[in-house]
PDB file of N, CA and C in Angstrom:
ATOM      1  N   MET A   1     160.353 -96.228  16.195  1.00  0.00           N
ATOM      2  CA  MET A   1     161.243 -95.172  15.787  1.00  0.00           C
ATOM      3  C   MET A   1     162.516 -95.800  15.231  1.00  0.00           C
ATOM      4  N   THR A   2     162.936 -95.310  14.084  1.00  0.00           N
ATOM      5  CA  THR A   2     164.161 -95.833  13.472  1.00  0.00           C
ATOM      6  C   THR A   2     165.398 -95.248  14.159  1.00  0.00           C
ATOM      7  N   GLN A   3     166.527 -95.862  13.907  1.00  0.00           N
ATOM      8  CA  GLN A   3     167.781 -95.357  14.471  1.00  0.00           C
ATOM      9  C   GLN A   3     168.102 -93.968  13.931  1.00  0.00           C
ATOM     10  N   ASP A   4     167.821 -93.742  12.648  1.00  0.00           N
ATOM     11  CA  ASP A   4     168.056 -92.414  12.062  1.00  0.00           C
ATOM     12  C   ASP A   4     167.175 -91.358  12.730  1.00  0.00           C
ATOM     13  N   GLN A   5     165.909 -91.688  12.987  1.00  0.00           N
ATOM     14  CA  GLN A   5     165.016 -90.747  13.659  1.00  0.00           C
ATOM     15  C   GLN A   5     165.499 -90.479  15.078  1.00  0.00           C
ATOM     16  N   LEU A   6     165.934 -91.541  15.756  1.00  0.00           N
ATOM     17  CA  LEU A   6     166.443 -91.387  17.112  1.00  0.00           C
ATOM     18  C   LEU A   6     167.664 -90.466  17.131  1.00  0.00           C
ATOM     19  N   SER A   7     168.533 -90.613  16.151  1.00  0.00           N
ATOM     20  CA  SER A   7     169.716 -89.750  16.060  1.00  0.00           C
ATOM     21  C   SER A   7     169.347 -88.316  15.702  1.00  0.00           C
ATOM     22  N   ALA A   8     168.437 -88.167  14.760  1.00  0.00           N
ATOM     23  CA  ALA A   8     168.070 -86.829  14.285  1.00  0.00           C
ATOM     24  C   ALA A   8     167.273 -86.034  15.313  1.00  0.00           C
ATOM     25  N   PHE A   9     166.385 -86.688  16.042  1.00  0.00           N
ATOM     26  CA  PHE A   9     165.498 -85.982  16.955  1.00  0.00           C
ATOM     27  C   PHE A   9     165.883 -86.131  18.423  1.00  0.00           C
ATOM     28  N   GLY A  10     166.850 -86.966  18.723  1.00  0.00           N
ATOM     29  CA  GLY A  10     167.240 -87.211  20.105  1.00  0.00           C
ATOM     30  C   GLY A  10     168.412 -86.372  20.555  1.00  0.00           C
ATOM     31  N   PHE A  11     168.519 -85.175  20.051  1.00  0.00           N
ATOM     32  CA  PHE A  11     169.640 -84.310  20.402  1.00  0.00           C
ATOM     33  C   PHE A  11     169.472 -83.742  21.820  1.00  0.00           C
ATOM     34  N   TYR A  12     170.595 -83.375  22.409  1.00  0.00           N
ATOM     35  CA  TYR A  12     170.618 -82.766  23.730  1.00  0.00           C
ATOM     36  C   TYR A  12     170.651 -81.246  23.556  1.00  0.00           C
ATOM     37  N   GLY A  13     169.854 -80.538  24.338  1.00  0.00           N
ATOM     38  CA  GLY A  13     169.846 -79.077  24.273  1.00  0.00           C
ATOM     39  C   GLY A  13     169.020 -78.577  23.111  1.00  0.00           C
ATOM     40  N   ASP A  14     169.459 -77.463  22.542  1.00  0.00           N
ATOM     41  CA  ASP A  14     168.729 -76.832  21.435  1.00  0.00           C
ATOM     42  C   ASP A  14     169.339 -77.230  20.097  1.00  0.00           C
ATOM     43  N   ASN A  15     168.504 -77.179  19.070  1.00  0.00           N
ATOM     44  CA  ASN A  15     168.949 -77.440  17.710  1.00  0.00           C
ATOM     45  C   ASN A  15     168.330 -76.356  16.844  1.00  0.00           C
ATOM     46  N   ILE A  16     169.152 -75.486  16.288  1.00  0.00           N
ATOM     47  CA  ILE A  16     168.638 -74.335  15.551  1.00  0.00           C
ATOM     48  C   ILE A  16     167.830 -74.750  14.327  1.00  0.00           C
ATOM     49  N   VAL A  17     168.209 -75.812  13.672  1.00  0.00           N
ATOM     50  CA  VAL A  17     167.460 -76.260  12.489  1.00  0.00           C
ATOM     51  C   VAL A  17     166.056 -76.707  12.899  1.00  0.00           C
ATOM     52  N   TYR A  18     165.974 -77.533  13.927  1.00  0.00           N
ATOM     53  CA  TYR A  18     164.671 -78.005  14.417  1.00  0.00           C
ATOM     54  C   TYR A  18     163.802 -76.816  14.841  1.00  0.00           C
ATOM     55  N   THR A  19     164.386 -75.904  15.600  1.00  0.00           N
ATOM     56  CA  THR A  19     163.647 -74.741  16.083  1.00  0.00           C
ATOM     57  C   THR A  19     163.138 -73.878  14.930  1.00  0.00           C
ATOM     58  N   GLU A  20     163.987 -73.628  13.961  1.00  0.00           N
ATOM     59  CA  GLU A  20     163.605 -72.766  12.839  1.00  0.00           C
ATOM     60  C   GLU A  20     162.589 -73.443  11.913  1.00  0.00           C
ATOM     61  N   VAL A  21     162.696 -74.746  11.750  1.00  0.00           N
ATOM     62  CA  VAL A  21     161.692 -75.477  10.956  1.00  0.00           C
ATOM     63  C   VAL A  21     160.324 -75.355  11.625  1.00  0.00           C
ATOM     64  N   LEU A  22     160.280 -75.562  12.940  1.00  0.00           N
ATOM     65  CA  LEU A  22     159.002 -75.425  13.646  1.00  0.00           C
ATOM     66  C   LEU A  22     158.466 -74.004  13.559  1.00  0.00           C
ATOM     67  N   LYS A  23     159.331 -73.007  13.669  1.00  0.00           N
ATOM     68  CA  LYS A  23     158.899 -71.609  13.547  1.00  0.00           C
ATOM     69  C   LYS A  23     158.316 -71.338  12.163  1.00  0.00           C
ATOM     70  N   ALA A  24     159.009 -71.800  11.130  1.00  0.00           N
ATOM     71  CA  ALA A  24     158.535 -71.584   9.757  1.00  0.00           C
ATOM     72  C   ALA A  24     157.189 -72.253   9.534  1.00  0.00           C
ATOM     73  N   LEU A  25     157.037 -73.470  10.054  1.00  0.00           N
ATOM     74  CA  LEU A  25     155.758 -74.168   9.912  1.00  0.00           C
ATOM     75  C   LEU A  25     154.656 -73.439  10.674  1.00  0.00           C
ATOM     76  N   GLN A  26     154.967 -72.943  11.867  1.00  0.00           N
ATOM     77  CA  GLN A  26     153.964 -72.236  12.658  1.00  0.00           C
ATOM     78  C   GLN A  26     153.539 -70.940  11.965  1.00  0.00           C
ATOM     79  N   GLU A  27     154.481 -70.213  11.403  1.00  0.00           N
ATOM     80  CA  GLU A  27     154.152 -68.990  10.672  1.00  0.00           C
ATOM     81  C   GLU A  27     153.286 -69.302   9.464  1.00  0.00           C
ATOM     82  N   SER A  28     153.608 -70.356   8.764  1.00  0.00           N
ATOM     83  CA  SER A  28     152.815 -70.772   7.612  1.00  0.00           C
ATOM     84  C   SER A  28     151.406 -71.169   8.044  1.00  0.00           C
ATOM     85  N   GLN A  29     151.313 -71.917   9.128  1.00  0.00           N
ATOM     86  CA  GLN A  29     150.017 -72.350   9.646  1.00  0.00           C
ATOM     87  C   GLN A  29     149.159 -71.150  10.019  1.00  0.00           C
ATOM     88  N   GLU A  30     149.736 -70.187  10.720  1.00  0.00           N
ATOM     89  CA  GLU A  30     148.997 -68.999  11.134  1.00  0.00           C
ATOM     90  C   GLU A  30     148.520 -68.200   9.927  1.00  0.00           C
ATOM     91  N   SER A  31     149.392 -68.059   8.947  1.00  0.00           N
ATOM     92  CA  SER A  31     149.037 -67.329   7.735  1.00  0.00           C
ATOM     93  C   SER A  31     147.886 -68.011   6.997  1.00  0.00           C
ATOM     94  N   LEU A  32     147.987 -69.328   6.847  1.00  0.00           N
ATOM     95  CA  LEU A  32     146.924 -70.075   6.167  1.00  0.00           C
ATOM     96  C   LEU A  32     145.615 -70.018   6.948  1.00  0.00           C
ATOM     97  N   PHE A  33     145.699 -70.125   8.259  1.00  0.00           N
ATOM     98  CA  PHE A  33     144.506 -70.066   9.098  1.00  0.00           C
ATOM     99  C   PHE A  33     143.836 -68.696   8.982  1.00  0.00           C
ATOM    100  N   LEU A  34     144.627 -67.621   9.072  1.00  0.00           N
ATOM    101  CA  LEU A  34     144.065 -66.279   8.967  1.00  0.00           C
ATOM    102  C   LEU A  34     143.427 -66.045   7.605  1.00  0.00           C
ATOM    103  N   TYR A  35     144.058 -66.551   6.570  1.00  0.00           N
ATOM    104  CA  TYR A  35     143.471 -66.430   5.229  1.00  0.00           C
ATOM    105  C   TYR A  35     142.157 -67.212   5.146  1.00  0.00           C
ATOM    106  N   ALA A  36     142.149 -68.409   5.708  1.00  0.00           N
ATOM    107  CA  ALA A  36     140.952 -69.264   5.627  1.00  0.00           C
ATOM    108  C   ALA A  36     139.753 -68.646   6.330  1.00  0.00           C
ATOM    109  N   ILE A  37     139.998 -67.915   7.418  1.00  0.00           N
ATOM    110  CA  ILE A  37     138.864 -67.335   8.148  1.00  0.00           C
ATOM    111  C   ILE A  37     138.558 -65.903   7.721  1.00  0.00           C
ATOM    112  N   SER A  38     139.349 -65.367   6.801  1.00  0.00           N
ATOM    113  CA  SER A  38     139.088 -64.009   6.322  1.00  0.00           C
ATOM    114  C   SER A  38     137.893 -64.021   5.364  1.00  0.00           C
ATOM    115  N   SER A  39     137.502 -62.853   4.953  1.00  0.00           N
ATOM    116  CA  SER A  39     136.350 -62.761   4.043  1.00  0.00           C
ATOM    117  C   SER A  39     136.746 -62.949   2.582  1.00  0.00           C
ATOM    118  N   ASN A  40     138.038 -63.091   2.305  1.00  0.00           N
ATOM    119  CA  ASN A  40     138.505 -63.206   0.918  1.00  0.00           C
ATOM    120  C   ASN A  40     138.155 -64.522   0.228  1.00  0.00           C
ATOM    121  N   PRO A  41     138.523 -65.661   0.795  1.00  0.00           N
ATOM    122  CA  PRO A  41     138.263 -66.913   0.064  1.00  0.00           C
ATOM    123  C   PRO A  41     136.779 -67.288   0.107  1.00  0.00           C
ATOM    124  N   LYS A  42     136.349 -67.915  -0.946  1.00  0.00           N
ATOM    125  CA  LYS A  42     134.948 -68.356  -1.051  1.00  0.00           C
ATOM    126  C   LYS A  42     134.929 -69.840  -1.395  1.00  0.00           C
ATOM    127  N   GLY A  43     133.955 -70.532  -0.862  1.00  0.00           N
ATOM    128  CA  GLY A  43     133.691 -71.921  -1.221  1.00  0.00           C
ATOM    129  C   GLY A  43     134.883 -72.838  -1.136  1.00  0.00           C
ATOM    130  N   GLU A  44     135.208 -73.442  -2.266  1.00  0.00           N
ATOM    131  CA  GLU A  44     136.285 -74.427  -2.319  1.00  0.00           C
ATOM    132  C   GLU A  44     137.639 -73.827  -1.987  1.00  0.00           C
ATOM    133  N   GLU A  45     137.821 -72.557  -2.277  1.00  0.00           N
ATOM    134  CA  GLU A  45     139.087 -71.899  -1.955  1.00  0.00           C
ATOM    135  C   GLU A  45     139.288 -71.867  -0.431  1.00  0.00           C
ATOM    136  N   ARG A  46     138.218 -71.611   0.322  1.00  0.00           N
ATOM    137  CA  ARG A  46     138.289 -71.616   1.787  1.00  0.00           C
ATOM    138  C   ARG A  46     138.573 -73.040   2.296  1.00  0.00           C
ATOM    139  N   ILE A  47     137.897 -74.006   1.709  1.00  0.00           N
ATOM    140  CA  ILE A  47     138.104 -75.404   2.100  1.00  0.00           C
ATOM    141  C   ILE A  47     139.558 -75.805   1.856  1.00  0.00           C
ATOM    142  N   HIS A  48     140.098 -75.395   0.719  1.00  0.00           N
ATOM    143  CA  HIS A  48     141.489 -75.712   0.386  1.00  0.00           C
ATOM    144  C   HIS A  48     142.440 -75.079   1.399  1.00  0.00           C
ATOM    145  N   ALA A  49     142.212 -73.827   1.752  1.00  0.00           N
ATOM    146  CA  ALA A  49     143.065 -73.144   2.727  1.00  0.00           C
ATOM    147  C   ALA A  49     143.003 -73.835   4.078  1.00  0.00           C
ATOM    148  N   CYS A  50     141.823 -74.280   4.482  1.00  0.00           N
ATOM    149  CA  CYS A  50     141.690 -75.013   5.744  1.00  0.00           C
ATOM    150  C   CYS A  50     142.462 -76.326   5.687  1.00  0.00           C
ATOM    151  N   GLY A  51     142.382 -77.004   4.572  1.00  0.00           N
ATOM    152  CA  GLY A  51     143.116 -78.257   4.400  1.00  0.00           C
ATOM    153  C   GLY A  51     144.616 -78.051   4.441  1.00  0.00           C
ATOM    154  N   GLN A  52     145.079 -76.965   3.830  1.00  0.00           N
ATOM    155  CA  GLN A  52     146.510 -76.667   3.875  1.00  0.00           C
ATOM    156  C   GLN A  52     146.952 -76.390   5.310  1.00  0.00           C
ATOM    157  N   ALA A  53     146.183 -75.599   6.040  1.00  0.00           N
ATOM    158  CA  ALA A  53     146.521 -75.292   7.437  1.00  0.00           C
ATOM    159  C   ALA A  53     146.541 -76.567   8.269  1.00  0.00           C
ATOM    160  N   ASP A  54     145.602 -77.453   8.025  1.00  0.00           N
ATOM    161  CA  ASP A  54     145.567 -78.718   8.754  1.00  0.00           C
ATOM    162  C   ASP A  54     146.770 -79.591   8.401  1.00  0.00           C
ATOM    163  N   GLY A  55     147.186 -79.576   7.149  1.00  0.00           N
ATOM    164  CA  GLY A  55     148.362 -80.333   6.734  1.00  0.00           C
ATOM    165  C   GLY A  55     149.624 -79.828   7.418  1.00  0.00           C
ATOM    166  N   VAL A  56     149.767 -78.517   7.521  1.00  0.00           N
ATOM    167  CA  VAL A  56     150.914 -77.940   8.218  1.00  0.00           C
ATOM    168  C   VAL A  56     150.852 -78.319   9.692  1.00  0.00           C
ATOM    169  N   ASN A  57     149.650 -78.277  10.273  1.00  0.00           N
ATOM    170  CA  ASN A  57     149.474 -78.670  11.676  1.00  0.00           C
ATOM    171  C   ASN A  57     149.905 -80.116  11.893  1.00  0.00           C
ATOM    172  N   MET A  58     149.546 -80.993  10.967  1.00  0.00           N
ATOM    173  CA  MET A  58     149.922 -82.394  11.082  1.00  0.00           C
ATOM    174  C   MET A  58     151.437 -82.565  11.004  1.00  0.00           C
ATOM    175  N   ALA A  59     152.095 -81.837  10.098  1.00  0.00           N
ATOM    176  CA  ALA A  59     153.550 -81.914   9.978  1.00  0.00           C
ATOM    177  C   ALA A  59     154.223 -81.457  11.270  1.00  0.00           C
ATOM    178  N   MET A  60     153.726 -80.375  11.849  1.00  0.00           N
ATOM    179  CA  MET A  60     154.279 -79.893  13.118  1.00  0.00           C
ATOM    180  C   MET A  60     154.090 -80.927  14.216  1.00  0.00           C
ATOM    181  N   SER A  61     152.933 -81.517  14.264  1.00  0.00           N
ATOM    182  CA  SER A  61     152.624 -82.521  15.279  1.00  0.00           C
ATOM    183  C   SER A  61     153.548 -83.731  15.158  1.00  0.00           C
ATOM    184  N   ILE A  62     153.795 -84.164  13.946  1.00  0.00           N
ATOM    185  CA  ILE A  62     154.690 -85.301  13.717  1.00  0.00           C
ATOM    186  C   ILE A  62     156.096 -84.980  14.221  1.00  0.00           C
ATOM    187  N   LEU A  63     156.599 -83.792  13.896  1.00  0.00           N
ATOM    188  CA  LEU A  63     157.944 -83.407  14.331  1.00  0.00           C
ATOM    189  C   LEU A  63     158.043 -83.316  15.851  1.00  0.00           C
ATOM    190  N   VAL A  64     157.045 -82.728  16.488  1.00  0.00           N
ATOM    191  CA  VAL A  64     157.047 -82.610  17.947  1.00  0.00           C
ATOM    192  C   VAL A  64     156.968 -83.989  18.587  1.00  0.00           C
ATOM    193  N   ASN A  65     156.130 -84.866  18.055  1.00  0.00           N
ATOM    194  CA  ASN A  65     156.013 -86.220  18.602  1.00  0.00           C
ATOM    195  C   ASN A  65     157.306 -87.020  18.425  1.00  0.00           C
ATOM    196  N   LEU A  66     157.954 -86.873  17.273  1.00  0.00           N
ATOM    197  CA  LEU A  66     159.236 -87.545  17.055  1.00  0.00           C
ATOM    198  C   LEU A  66     160.279 -87.040  18.048  1.00  0.00           C
ATOM    199  N   ARG A  67     160.314 -85.747  18.264  1.00  0.00           N
ATOM    200  CA  ARG A  67     161.266 -85.166  19.216  1.00  0.00           C
ATOM    201  C   ARG A  67     161.007 -85.675  20.627  1.00  0.00           C
ATOM    202  N   ASN A  68     159.747 -85.663  21.054  1.00  0.00           N
ATOM    203  CA  ASN A  68     159.410 -86.123  22.402  1.00  0.00           C
ATOM    204  C   ASN A  68     159.758 -87.585  22.612  1.00  0.00           C
ATOM    205  N   GLU A  69     159.466 -88.411  21.623  1.00  0.00           N
ATOM    206  CA  GLU A  69     159.772 -89.843  21.730  1.00  0.00           C
ATOM    207  C   GLU A  69     161.282 -90.081  21.753  1.00  0.00           C
ATOM    208  N   ALA A  70     162.015 -89.364  20.912  1.00  0.00           N
ATOM    209  CA  ALA A  70     163.469 -89.524  20.879  1.00  0.00           C
ATOM    210  C   ALA A  70     164.091 -89.057  22.193  1.00  0.00           C
ATOM    211  N   LYS A  71     163.591 -87.963  22.745  1.00  0.00           N
ATOM    212  CA  LYS A  71     164.094 -87.503  24.043  1.00  0.00           C
ATOM    213  C   LYS A  71     163.843 -88.557  25.111  1.00  0.00           C
ATOM    214  N   ARG A  72     162.675 -89.151  25.094  1.00  0.00           N
ATOM    215  CA  ARG A  72     162.322 -90.188  26.077  1.00  0.00           C
ATOM    216  C   ARG A  72     163.244 -91.386  25.935  1.00  0.00           C
ATOM    217  N   LEU A  73     163.432 -91.853  24.700  1.00  0.00           N
ATOM    218  CA  LEU A  73     164.263 -93.031  24.454  1.00  0.00           C
ATOM    219  C   LEU A  73     165.742 -92.784  24.764  1.00  0.00           C
ATOM    220  N   ASN A  74     166.172 -91.552  24.629  1.00  0.00           N
ATOM    221  CA  ASN A  74     167.570 -91.210  24.921  1.00  0.00           C
ATOM    222  C   ASN A  74     167.773 -90.803  26.379  1.00  0.00           C
ATOM    223  N   GLY A  75     166.722 -90.889  27.174  1.00  0.00           N
ATOM    224  CA  GLY A  75     166.837 -90.568  28.590  1.00  0.00           C
ATOM    225  C   GLY A  75     167.001 -89.085  28.865  1.00  0.00           C
ATOM    226  N   LEU A  76     166.476 -88.242  27.992  1.00  0.00           N
ATOM    227  CA  LEU A  76     166.602 -86.804  28.151  1.00  0.00           C
ATOM    228  C   LEU A  76     165.376 -86.162  28.807  1.00  0.00           C
ATOM    229  N   THR A  77     164.494 -86.977  29.366  1.00  0.00           N
ATOM    230  CA  THR A  77     163.308 -86.466  30.049  1.00  0.00           C
ATOM    231  C   THR A  77     163.271 -87.024  31.461  1.00  0.00           C
ATOM    232  N   ASP A  78     162.385 -86.487  32.256  1.00  0.00           N
ATOM    233  CA  ASP A  78     162.236 -86.949  33.642  1.00  0.00           C
ATOM    234  C   ASP A  78     161.372 -88.194  33.739  1.00  0.00           C
ATOM    235  N   GLU A  79     160.781 -88.625  32.651  1.00  0.00           N
ATOM    236  CA  GLU A  79     159.885 -89.798  32.680  1.00  0.00           C
ATOM    237  C   GLU A  79     160.628 -91.079  32.882  1.00  0.00           C
TER     238      GLU A  79
END
């Protein structure tokens, strides 16, 4: 983890930007997932929607992992 990442994700308490980014990504993921499993998309269009949902999932996972690691390194967890 870089020093910039540690500073950006190692905050104490709540961070409205972090929270809202995760909310926006989750809403996007849910929307893409619902579209992908609906009866509307066919063939490659469905595959593309699934890939987009997975990409959003990966971005969310990266942000959560960065936050957890920064909290650990900054002594903000019980571990």
